[in-house]
Amino acid sequence: MAATTTAHTSDDSEGMAYLDTLPKRVVTVYLPLFVILVVLLFPFYWMALTAIKPDDQLIDMETYNPFWVVSPTLKHIAKLLFQTNYPLWLWNTMMISVAATALSLFASVLAAYAIVRIRYKGAVAVGAAIFLAYLVPPSILFIPLATIIQAYGLYDSPFALVLVYPTILIPFSTWLLMGYFKTIPYELEECALIDGASRWQILVKIILPLAVPGLISAGIFSLTLCWNEFIYALTFLSSTQNKTVPVAVVSEFVDGDIYRWGSLMAGALVGSLPLVILYSFFVEHYVSAMTGAVKE
């Protein structure tokens, strides 16, 4: 017994021995974390810095330090919010993203439940085909989709994006929910079926309450993808008042070869804040659901 305990102790200590000394911790832990942190956060720092820089500091890089700001100003943000259609663009982005996400989640829940829980021949092949559809690049699909949108008279309408975005949201959301539904014990459904519950009652009253982290994860993914999508929004929307933030910021604040960097960065910064707030509230559910789906 003592020998076994000693062996386990030595194995555990050997497994973490590389963290015992400070130099090794610096090389193997702290330095990689610092590099990753700088790579991830520096673009946001540069974006925020540019958004509050006066115009003369944006142009004159020799007199002023490009990595710092002297006499910060909120002129660019105030101009963005009160002298442009940015609030309308932000509303368009939010409305389209929420509507497309809700539609995609509804379809994905039904598809994932049918593939995972209703046993029929070819269910695995259907699931694989749905996931493979996610791998098709949007740059290939936007031409035939544009033809369809034009034929139905939906060009230059936000409703066009609400119908188009699910084509790229449903495949991944379905795959994610399939993995999460597999973690729910099937015995719960068998007991409900014995008691006379229908499939719809089982889905609404048993599966969905247990799959809330998976639904949150799929919803955040879908909302983020809609919020940042550029190709379809650029193709299907042309009027200034109908544009979304990613397209409007690029098209309205660039005049030929003149880039209004203060307004550009302010628009990008303000447009990213809603997603940052959303992630801060649901990051634990997002990670847990992604982990469960990957395990499956």
Protein backbone atom coordinates (compact mmCIF):
# COMPACT_ATOMS: atom_id res chain seq x y z
CA MET A 1 0.00 0.00 0.00
CA ALA A 2 2.78 2.41 0.94
CA ALA A 3 4.71 1.54 -2.19
CA THR A 4 1.65 2.21 -4.34
CA THR A 5 1.06 5.57 -2.67
CA THR A 6 4.71 6.54 -3.14
CA ALA A 7 4.56 5.58 -6.81
CA HIS A 8 1.46 7.70 -7.41
CA THR A 9 3.05 10.65 -5.59
CA SER A 10 6.24 10.43 -7.61
CA ASP A 11 4.29 10.18 -10.87
CA ASP A 12 2.27 13.29 -10.04
CA SER A 13 5.35 15.26 -9.03
CA GLU A 14 7.23 14.20 -12.14
CA GLY A 15 4.30 15.19 -14.32
CA MET A 16 4.38 18.78 -13.02
CA ALA A 17 8.13 18.99 -12.42
CA TYR A 18 8.66 21.39 -15.29
CA LEU A 19 6.76 24.05 -13.33
CA ASP A 20 8.88 23.77 -10.15
CA THR A 21 11.49 26.39 -10.99
CA LEU A 22 10.83 30.01 -11.89
CA PRO A 23 12.96 30.07 -15.10
CA LYS A 24 11.07 27.09 -16.47
CA ARG A 25 7.72 28.65 -15.58
CA VAL A 26 8.75 31.84 -17.38
CA VAL A 27 9.70 29.96 -20.56
CA THR A 28 6.87 27.41 -20.61
CA VAL A 29 3.94 29.39 -19.12
CA TYR A 30 4.37 33.13 -18.65
CA LEU A 31 6.17 33.97 -21.91
CA PRO A 32 3.70 32.09 -24.19
CA LEU A 33 0.77 33.62 -22.30
CA PHE A 34 2.26 37.09 -22.69
CA VAL A 35 2.77 36.60 -26.44
CA ILE A 36 -0.78 35.31 -26.89
CA LEU A 37 -2.17 38.19 -24.83
CA VAL A 38 -0.31 40.79 -26.88
CA VAL A 39 -1.32 39.23 -30.20
CA LEU A 40 -4.99 39.09 -29.18
CA LEU A 41 -5.34 42.44 -27.44
CA PHE A 42 -3.05 44.70 -29.48
CA PRO A 43 -5.55 45.14 -32.38
CA PHE A 44 -8.21 46.29 -29.89
CA TYR A 45 -5.73 48.62 -28.22
CA TRP A 46 -4.77 50.12 -31.59
CA MET A 47 -8.41 50.48 -32.55
CA ALA A 48 -9.32 52.25 -29.30
CA LEU A 49 -6.20 54.42 -29.52
CA THR A 50 -6.97 55.55 -33.06
CA ALA A 51 -10.61 56.29 -32.16
CA ILE A 52 -9.57 58.90 -29.55
CA LYS A 53 -6.61 60.46 -31.38
CA PRO A 54 -6.88 64.02 -32.76
CA ASP A 55 -6.49 64.34 -36.52
CA ASP A 56 -3.01 65.86 -36.36
CA GLN A 57 -1.70 62.90 -34.34
CA LEU A 58 -3.20 60.45 -36.81
CA ILE A 59 -1.21 62.02 -39.65
CA ASP A 60 2.03 63.11 -38.01
CA MET A 61 3.74 59.90 -36.87
CA GLU A 62 7.16 61.50 -36.49
CA THR A 63 6.24 64.19 -33.98
CA TYR A 64 3.84 62.06 -31.93
CA ASN A 65 4.32 58.56 -30.58
CA PRO A 66 2.09 56.27 -32.68
CA PHE A 67 1.59 53.90 -29.71
CA TRP A 68 0.25 56.58 -27.37
CA VAL A 69 -2.08 59.55 -27.52
CA VAL A 70 -1.63 63.10 -26.28
CA SER A 71 -4.78 65.14 -25.56
CA PRO A 72 -7.35 62.41 -26.39
CA THR A 73 -10.60 63.50 -27.96
CA LEU A 74 -14.09 62.04 -28.34
CA LYS A 75 -14.72 63.99 -31.55
CA HIS A 76 -14.66 60.93 -33.77
CA ILE A 77 -17.11 58.99 -31.59
CA ALA A 78 -19.44 62.00 -31.25
CA LYS A 79 -19.37 62.54 -35.02
CA LEU A 80 -20.05 58.86 -35.57
CA LEU A 81 -23.09 58.76 -33.29
CA PHE A 82 -24.68 62.15 -33.99
CA GLN A 83 -23.63 63.15 -37.52
CA THR A 84 -23.96 59.86 -39.41
CA ASN A 85 -26.49 57.06 -39.75
CA TYR A 86 -24.46 54.83 -37.44
CA PRO A 87 -27.28 54.27 -34.89
CA LEU A 88 -29.48 53.11 -37.79
CA TRP A 89 -26.72 50.82 -39.08
CA LEU A 90 -26.29 49.40 -35.60
CA TRP A 91 -30.03 48.79 -35.36
CA ASN A 92 -30.05 47.06 -38.76
CA THR A 93 -27.18 44.82 -37.69
CA MET A 94 -28.86 43.92 -34.42
CA MET A 95 -32.27 43.28 -35.96
CA ILE A 96 -30.90 41.11 -38.77
CA SER A 97 -28.60 39.15 -36.43
CA VAL A 98 -31.28 38.42 -33.84
CA ALA A 99 -33.91 37.42 -36.43
CA ALA A 100 -31.52 35.18 -38.39
CA THR A 101 -30.21 33.61 -35.17
CA ALA A 102 -33.72 32.84 -33.89
CA LEU A 103 -34.71 31.29 -37.22
CA SER A 104 -31.50 29.25 -37.38
CA LEU A 105 -31.80 27.99 -33.80
CA PHE A 106 -35.37 26.84 -34.38
CA ALA A 107 -34.39 24.88 -37.50
CA SER A 108 -31.19 23.54 -35.90
CA VAL A 109 -32.97 22.25 -32.80
CA LEU A 110 -35.47 20.31 -34.91
CA ALA A 111 -32.76 18.96 -37.22
CA ALA A 112 -30.37 17.98 -34.42
CA TYR A 113 -33.11 16.28 -32.39
CA ALA A 114 -34.36 14.34 -35.40
CA ILE A 115 -30.87 13.14 -36.34
CA VAL A 116 -29.73 12.20 -32.83
CA ARG A 117 -32.90 10.99 -31.09
CA ILE A 118 -35.15 9.58 -33.82
CA ARG A 119 -33.43 6.44 -34.97
CA TYR A 120 -33.75 6.00 -38.70
CA LYS A 121 -31.53 4.68 -41.47
CA GLY A 122 -29.03 7.21 -42.78
CA ALA A 123 -29.16 9.57 -39.78
CA VAL A 124 -25.37 9.61 -39.47
CA ALA A 125 -24.95 10.38 -43.16
CA VAL A 126 -27.47 13.20 -42.94
CA GLY A 127 -25.59 14.69 -39.97
CA ALA A 128 -22.29 14.52 -41.83
CA ALA A 129 -23.83 16.08 -44.93
CA ILE A 130 -25.22 18.98 -42.88
CA PHE A 131 -21.82 19.65 -41.34
CA LEU A 132 -20.08 19.44 -44.73
CA ALA A 133 -22.47 22.13 -45.96
CA TYR A 134 -20.89 24.46 -43.39
CA LEU A 135 -17.53 24.05 -45.13
CA VAL A 136 -18.80 25.53 -48.40
CA PRO A 137 -17.31 29.06 -48.68
CA PRO A 138 -19.84 31.93 -48.78
CA SER A 139 -17.90 33.41 -51.70
CA ILE A 140 -19.15 30.50 -53.84
CA LEU A 141 -22.78 30.77 -52.79
CA PHE A 142 -23.41 34.50 -52.93
CA ILE A 143 -23.83 34.59 -56.75
CA PRO A 144 -26.64 31.99 -56.97
CA LEU A 145 -28.20 33.39 -53.79
CA ALA A 146 -28.13 36.88 -55.31
CA THR A 147 -30.03 35.54 -58.32
CA ILE A 148 -32.70 34.05 -56.06
CA ILE A 149 -32.98 37.20 -53.94
CA GLN A 150 -33.35 39.33 -57.07
CA ALA A 151 -36.02 37.01 -58.47
CA TYR A 152 -38.11 37.31 -55.31
CA GLY A 153 -37.78 41.10 -55.21
CA LEU A 154 -35.88 41.17 -51.90
CA TYR A 155 -32.77 42.97 -53.13
CA ASP A 156 -31.70 45.89 -50.91
CA SER A 157 -33.92 44.66 -48.09
CA PRO A 158 -32.73 43.58 -44.63
CA PHE A 159 -35.17 40.69 -44.90
CA ALA A 160 -32.93 39.24 -47.62
CA LEU A 161 -30.13 38.75 -45.09
CA VAL A 162 -32.55 37.23 -42.57
CA LEU A 163 -33.32 34.52 -45.12
CA VAL A 164 -29.77 34.10 -46.43
CA TYR A 165 -27.80 33.95 -43.16
CA PRO A 166 -29.41 30.68 -41.98
CA THR A 167 -27.72 28.94 -44.92
CA ILE A 168 -24.39 29.41 -43.14
CA LEU A 169 -25.72 29.25 -39.55
CA ILE A 170 -27.88 26.12 -39.54
CA PRO A 171 -25.15 23.57 -40.52
CA PHE A 172 -22.75 24.44 -37.69
CA SER A 173 -25.51 25.05 -35.13
CA THR A 174 -27.03 21.67 -35.97
CA TRP A 175 -23.67 19.92 -35.57
CA LEU A 176 -23.07 21.67 -32.25
CA LEU A 177 -26.50 20.78 -30.89
CA MET A 178 -26.15 17.19 -32.10
CA GLY A 179 -23.08 16.81 -29.93
CA TYR A 180 -24.82 18.37 -26.94
CA PHE A 181 -28.03 16.34 -27.33
CA LYS A 182 -25.94 13.16 -27.24
CA THR A 183 -24.83 14.03 -23.70
CA ILE A 184 -28.45 13.95 -22.45
CA PRO A 185 -29.40 10.43 -21.22
CA TYR A 186 -31.79 8.69 -23.58
CA GLU A 187 -33.48 7.01 -20.59
CA LEU A 188 -35.21 10.29 -19.79
CA GLU A 189 -37.03 10.17 -23.11
CA GLU A 190 -37.89 6.50 -22.73
CA CYS A 191 -39.54 7.19 -19.37
CA ALA A 192 -41.49 10.08 -20.88
CA LEU A 193 -42.61 7.94 -23.83
CA ILE A 194 -43.82 5.26 -21.44
CA ASP A 195 -45.84 7.91 -19.59
CA GLY A 196 -47.51 8.92 -22.85
CA ALA A 197 -45.59 12.08 -23.74
CA SER A 198 -45.31 13.03 -27.40
CA ARG A 199 -42.06 13.82 -29.17
CA TRP A 200 -42.88 17.52 -29.14
CA GLN A 201 -43.54 17.47 -25.37
CA ILE A 202 -40.27 15.62 -24.79
CA LEU A 203 -38.35 18.15 -26.86
CA VAL A 204 -39.92 21.22 -25.22
CA LYS A 205 -40.17 20.04 -21.61
CA ILE A 206 -37.16 17.73 -21.23
CA ILE A 207 -34.51 18.21 -23.90
CA LEU A 208 -34.50 21.98 -24.30
CA PRO A 209 -34.29 22.82 -20.55
CA LEU A 210 -31.32 20.45 -20.24
CA ALA A 211 -29.69 21.82 -23.39
CA VAL A 212 -29.70 25.51 -22.39
CA PRO A 213 -25.86 25.79 -22.42
CA GLY A 214 -25.80 24.28 -25.92
CA LEU A 215 -28.51 26.66 -27.11
CA ILE A 216 -26.60 29.63 -25.65
CA SER A 217 -23.41 28.49 -27.35
CA ALA A 218 -25.09 28.03 -30.73
CA GLY A 219 -26.89 31.35 -30.32
CA ILE A 220 -23.71 33.26 -29.52
CA PHE A 221 -21.90 31.67 -32.46
CA SER A 222 -24.75 32.47 -34.84
CA LEU A 223 -25.16 36.03 -33.58
CA THR A 224 -21.42 36.69 -33.87
CA LEU A 225 -21.27 35.32 -37.39
CA CYS A 226 -24.24 37.44 -38.48
CA TRP A 227 -22.85 40.54 -36.77
CA ASN A 228 -19.49 40.33 -38.53
CA GLU A 229 -20.63 39.00 -41.92
CA PHE A 230 -19.50 41.14 -44.84
CA ILE A 231 -19.87 39.44 -48.26
CA TYR A 232 -23.63 38.85 -48.24
CA ALA A 233 -24.35 42.24 -46.65
CA LEU A 234 -22.21 43.95 -49.30
CA THR A 235 -23.92 42.03 -52.12
CA PHE A 236 -27.57 42.28 -51.10
CA LEU A 237 -27.71 45.80 -49.58
CA SER A 238 -26.97 49.01 -51.47
CA SER A 239 -28.95 51.82 -49.81
CA THR A 240 -27.13 53.70 -47.08
CA GLN A 241 -30.02 53.42 -44.63
CA ASN A 242 -30.23 49.62 -45.03
CA LYS A 243 -26.55 48.78 -44.54
CA THR A 244 -25.09 46.90 -41.59
CA VAL A 245 -22.15 48.12 -39.52
CA PRO A 246 -19.34 46.09 -41.21
CA VAL A 247 -20.34 47.27 -44.69
CA ALA A 248 -21.32 50.84 -43.76
CA VAL A 249 -18.11 51.57 -41.85
CA VAL A 250 -15.96 50.54 -44.81
CA SER A 251 -18.05 52.14 -47.55
CA GLU A 252 -19.14 55.40 -45.88
CA PHE A 253 -15.85 56.41 -44.23
CA VAL A 254 -13.58 55.78 -47.20
CA ASP A 255 -13.57 58.40 -49.96
CA GLY A 256 -11.47 57.10 -52.82
CA ASP A 257 -7.96 56.83 -51.40
CA ILE A 258 -8.80 58.93 -48.31
CA TYR A 259 -9.40 56.90 -45.17
CA ARG A 260 -11.04 58.63 -42.23
CA TRP A 261 -9.23 56.49 -39.69
CA GLY A 262 -10.73 58.11 -36.62
CA SER A 263 -14.29 57.43 -37.74
CA LEU A 264 -13.38 54.00 -39.08
CA MET A 265 -11.86 52.85 -35.80
CA ALA A 266 -14.58 54.47 -33.73
CA GLY A 267 -17.21 52.63 -35.76
CA ALA A 268 -15.38 49.33 -35.38
CA LEU A 269 -14.92 49.88 -31.65
CA VAL A 270 -18.53 50.82 -30.92
CA GLY A 271 -19.78 48.00 -33.14
CA SER A 272 -17.78 45.39 -31.23
CA LEU A 273 -18.98 46.44 -27.76
CA PRO A 274 -22.36 44.59 -27.86
CA LEU A 275 -20.61 41.30 -28.66
CA VAL A 276 -18.04 41.87 -25.91
CA ILE A 277 -20.82 42.44 -23.38
CA LEU A 278 -22.67 39.35 -24.63
CA TYR A 279 -19.60 37.13 -24.30
CA SER A 280 -18.86 38.44 -20.80
CA PHE A 281 -22.27 37.25 -19.59
CA PHE A 282 -22.37 33.83 -21.27
CA VAL A 283 -18.73 32.79 -21.69
CA GLU A 284 -19.01 29.92 -19.16
CA HIS A 285 -22.02 28.39 -20.92
CA TYR A 286 -20.32 28.90 -24.29
CA VAL A 287 -17.15 27.04 -23.28
CA SER A 288 -19.01 24.19 -21.55
CA ALA A 289 -21.27 23.60 -24.54
CA MET A 290 -18.38 23.71 -27.02
CA THR A 291 -16.47 21.20 -24.85
CA GLY A 292 -19.43 18.84 -24.71
CA ALA A 293 -19.95 19.01 -28.47
CA VAL A 294 -16.28 18.39 -29.25
CA LYS A 295 -16.16 15.36 -26.96
CA GLU A 296 -18.93 13.79 -28.93
